[in-house]
Amino acid sequence: AVVSTQSGHYGRGENEELRKQNTILTSRQESIIRNLRAETKVKMELFSALGDARRQAEELNHKLEQRCRENDMLKQRVAEAMAVSSFPTSSFSVPTTTTAADTFYSANGF
């Protein structure tokens, strides 16, 4: 017995078609859920990798800054060493004064 569709009831053929559509929609929904889960997993892995990369970049920046400070200190030490070694040796000698005895000795051939 087929019931009239105008009263809100469906016949067997229509029920079967609705079940098929329901099955198709349920399958699509499950597929979408699987895809969303896989996408979420990929995003989490990407954010984790991004965090690792940021930490590595911060460590490298810290090491670079430390090396720059060490380089600046070495430059300063080299500059100081060069400044000390560039003084002429005559500036460290004791000035000589001529005494009366020196004049007497050189005048008399001593």
C-alpha atoms as a PDB file:
ATOM      1  CA  ALA A   1       0.000   0.000   0.000  1.00  0.00           C
ATOM      2  CA  VAL A   2       1.382   3.312  -1.094  1.00  0.00           C
ATOM      3  CA  VAL A   3       0.509   6.269   1.069  1.00  0.00           C
ATOM      4  CA  SER A   4      -0.206   9.597  -0.516  1.00  0.00           C
ATOM      5  CA  THR A   5       2.701  12.079  -0.441  1.00  0.00           C
ATOM      6  CA  GLN A   6       0.338  14.957   0.117  1.00  0.00           C
ATOM      7  CA  SER A   7      -0.381  13.753   3.626  1.00  0.00           C
ATOM      8  CA  GLY A   8       3.362  13.876   4.498  1.00  0.00           C
ATOM      9  CA  HIS A   9       4.017  10.151   4.153  1.00  0.00           C
ATOM     10  CA  TYR A  10       6.286   8.635   1.555  1.00  0.00           C
ATOM     11  CA  GLY A  11       5.970   5.475  -0.464  1.00  0.00           C
ATOM     12  CA  ARG A  12       8.477   2.625  -0.472  1.00  0.00           C
ATOM     13  CA  GLY A  13      10.366   3.940  -3.484  1.00  0.00           C
ATOM     14  CA  GLU A  14      10.647   7.357  -1.968  1.00  0.00           C
ATOM     15  CA  ASN A  15      11.795   5.910   1.378  1.00  0.00           C
ATOM     16  CA  GLU A  16      14.479   3.910  -0.399  1.00  0.00           C
ATOM     17  CA  GLU A  17      15.667   7.045  -2.243  1.00  0.00           C
ATOM     18  CA  LEU A  18      15.820   8.988   1.030  1.00  0.00           C
ATOM     19  CA  ARG A  19      17.855   6.193   2.656  1.00  0.00           C
ATOM     20  CA  LYS A  20      20.311   6.260  -0.263  1.00  0.00           C
ATOM     21  CA  GLN A  21      20.652  10.038  -0.005  1.00  0.00           C
ATOM     22  CA  ASN A  22      21.070   9.735   3.771  1.00  0.00           C
ATOM     23  CA  THR A  23      23.792   7.113   3.269  1.00  0.00           C
ATOM     24  CA  ILE A  24      25.561   9.309   0.709  1.00  0.00           C
ATOM     25  CA  LEU A  25      25.356  12.355   2.972  1.00  0.00           C
ATOM     26  CA  THR A  26      26.567  10.362   5.987  1.00  0.00           C
ATOM     27  CA  SER A  27      29.519   9.072   3.936  1.00  0.00           C
ATOM     28  CA  ARG A  28      30.366  12.614   2.809  1.00  0.00           C
ATOM     29  CA  GLN A  29      30.131  13.832   6.395  1.00  0.00           C
ATOM     30  CA  GLU A  30      32.499  11.111   7.588  1.00  0.00           C
ATOM     31  CA  SER A  31      34.903  11.930   4.758  1.00  0.00           C
ATOM     32  CA  ILE A  32      34.826  15.629   5.675  1.00  0.00           C
ATOM     33  CA  ILE A  33      35.478  14.784   9.329  1.00  0.00           C
ATOM     34  CA  ARG A  34      38.474  12.579   8.375  1.00  0.00           C
ATOM     35  CA  ASN A  35      39.838  15.319   6.133  1.00  0.00           C
ATOM     36  CA  LEU A  36      39.421  17.952   8.856  1.00  0.00           C
ATOM     37  CA  ARG A  37      41.189  15.723  11.370  1.00  0.00           C
ATOM     38  CA  ALA A  38      44.054  15.156   8.938  1.00  0.00           C
ATOM     39  CA  GLU A  39      44.229  18.889   8.204  1.00  0.00           C
ATOM     40  CA  THR A  40      44.260  19.702  11.916  1.00  0.00           C
ATOM     41  CA  LYS A  41      47.079  17.209  12.450  1.00  0.00           C
ATOM     42  CA  VAL A  42      49.124  18.799   9.649  1.00  0.00           C
ATOM     43  CA  LYS A  43      48.512  22.280  11.060  1.00  0.00           C
ATOM     44  CA  MET A  44      49.616  21.161  14.517  1.00  0.00           C
ATOM     45  CA  GLU A  45      52.788  19.656  13.051  1.00  0.00           C
ATOM     46  CA  LEU A  46      53.460  22.873  11.121  1.00  0.00           C
ATOM     47  CA  PHE A  47      52.987  25.041  14.215  1.00  0.00           C
ATOM     48  CA  SER A  48      55.277  22.732  16.158  1.00  0.00           C
ATOM     49  CA  ALA A  49      57.922  23.005  13.432  1.00  0.00           C
ATOM     50  CA  LEU A  50      57.468  26.788  13.398  1.00  0.00           C
ATOM     51  CA  GLY A  51      58.036  26.915  17.158  1.00  0.00           C
ATOM     52  CA  ASP A  52      61.193  24.818  16.775  1.00  0.00           C
ATOM     53  CA  ALA A  53      62.444  27.092  14.003  1.00  0.00           C
ATOM     54  CA  ARG A  54      61.786  30.194  16.110  1.00  0.00           C
ATOM     55  CA  ARG A  55      63.702  28.716  19.056  1.00  0.00           C
ATOM     56  CA  GLN A  56      66.618  27.845  16.789  1.00  0.00           C
ATOM     57  CA  ALA A  57      66.585  31.353  15.307  1.00  0.00           C
ATOM     58  CA  GLU A  58      66.614  32.895  18.800  1.00  0.00           C
ATOM     59  CA  GLU A  59      69.532  30.653  19.819  1.00  0.00           C
ATOM     60  CA  LEU A  60      71.467  31.591  16.686  1.00  0.00           C
ATOM     61  CA  ASN A  61      70.757  35.298  17.220  1.00  0.00           C
ATOM     62  CA  HIS A  62      71.984  35.002  20.798  1.00  0.00           C
ATOM     63  CA  LYS A  63      75.173  33.243  19.645  1.00  0.00           C
ATOM     64  CA  LEU A  64      75.683  35.857  16.920  1.00  0.00           C
ATOM     65  CA  GLU A  65      75.288  38.722  19.386  1.00  0.00           C
ATOM     66  CA  GLN A  66      77.727  37.010  21.755  1.00  0.00           C
ATOM     67  CA  ARG A  67      80.266  36.540  18.950  1.00  0.00           C
ATOM     68  CA  CYS A  68      79.863  40.179  17.915  1.00  0.00           C
ATOM     69  CA  ARG A  69      80.592  41.288  21.494  1.00  0.00           C
ATOM     70  CA  GLU A  70      83.648  38.992  21.598  1.00  0.00           C
ATOM     71  CA  ASN A  71      84.780  40.376  18.229  1.00  0.00           C
ATOM     72  CA  ASP A  72      84.406  43.950  19.459  1.00  0.00           C
ATOM     73  CA  MET A  73      86.451  43.115  22.585  1.00  0.00           C
ATOM     74  CA  LEU A  74      89.187  41.526  20.473  1.00  0.00           C
ATOM     75  CA  LYS A  75      89.254  44.544  18.154  1.00  0.00           C
ATOM     76  CA  GLN A  76      89.644  46.805  21.172  1.00  0.00           C
ATOM     77  CA  ARG A  77      92.489  44.672  22.554  1.00  0.00           C
ATOM     78  CA  VAL A  78      94.282  44.655  19.200  1.00  0.00           C
ATOM     79  CA  ALA A  79      93.875  48.421  18.907  1.00  0.00           C
ATOM     80  CA  GLU A  80      95.269  48.877  22.415  1.00  0.00           C
ATOM     81  CA  ALA A  81      98.199  46.556  21.685  1.00  0.00           C
ATOM     82  CA  MET A  82      98.974  48.392  18.451  1.00  0.00           C
ATOM     83  CA  ALA A  83      98.765  51.746  20.192  1.00  0.00           C
ATOM     84  CA  VAL A  84     101.273  50.618  22.825  1.00  0.00           C
ATOM     85  CA  SER A  85     103.672  49.078  20.298  1.00  0.00           C
ATOM     86  CA  SER A  86     103.556  52.059  17.932  1.00  0.00           C
ATOM     87  CA  PHE A  87     105.314  54.445  20.342  1.00  0.00           C
ATOM     88  CA  PRO A  88     108.781  55.272  19.003  1.00  0.00           C
ATOM     89  CA  THR A  89     111.596  53.829  21.133  1.00  0.00           C
ATOM     90  CA  SER A  90     113.214  57.234  21.497  1.00  0.00           C
ATOM     91  CA  SER A  91     110.250  58.442  23.487  1.00  0.00           C
ATOM     92  CA  PHE A  92     111.161  55.882  26.175  1.00  0.00           C
ATOM     93  CA  SER A  93     114.853  56.850  26.377  1.00  0.00           C
ATOM     94  CA  VAL A  94     116.132  59.064  29.155  1.00  0.00           C
ATOM     95  CA  PRO A  95     117.080  62.480  27.840  1.00  0.00           C
ATOM     96  CA  THR A  96     120.783  63.187  28.032  1.00  0.00           C
ATOM     97  CA  THR A  97     122.220  66.326  29.482  1.00  0.00           C
ATOM     98  CA  THR A  98     125.704  67.590  28.833  1.00  0.00           C
ATOM     99  CA  THR A  99     127.681  68.196  31.981  1.00  0.00           C
ATOM    100  CA  ALA A 100     130.827  70.268  32.447  1.00  0.00           C
ATOM    101  CA  ALA A 101     132.777  67.060  32.867  1.00  0.00           C
ATOM    102  CA  ASP A 102     131.529  65.743  29.521  1.00  0.00           C
ATOM    103  CA  THR A 103     132.599  68.949  27.841  1.00  0.00           C
ATOM    104  CA  PHE A 104     136.008  68.860  29.517  1.00  0.00           C
ATOM    105  CA  TYR A 105     136.622  65.224  28.572  1.00  0.00           C
ATOM    106  CA  SER A 106     135.596  65.640  24.935  1.00  0.00           C
ATOM    107  CA  ALA A 107     137.540  68.903  24.618  1.00  0.00           C
ATOM    108  CA  ASN A 108     140.701  67.347  25.987  1.00  0.00           C
ATOM    109  CA  GLY A 109     140.408  64.172  23.914  1.00  0.00           C
ATOM    110  CA  PHE A 110     139.396  61.849  26.633  1.00  0.00           C
END
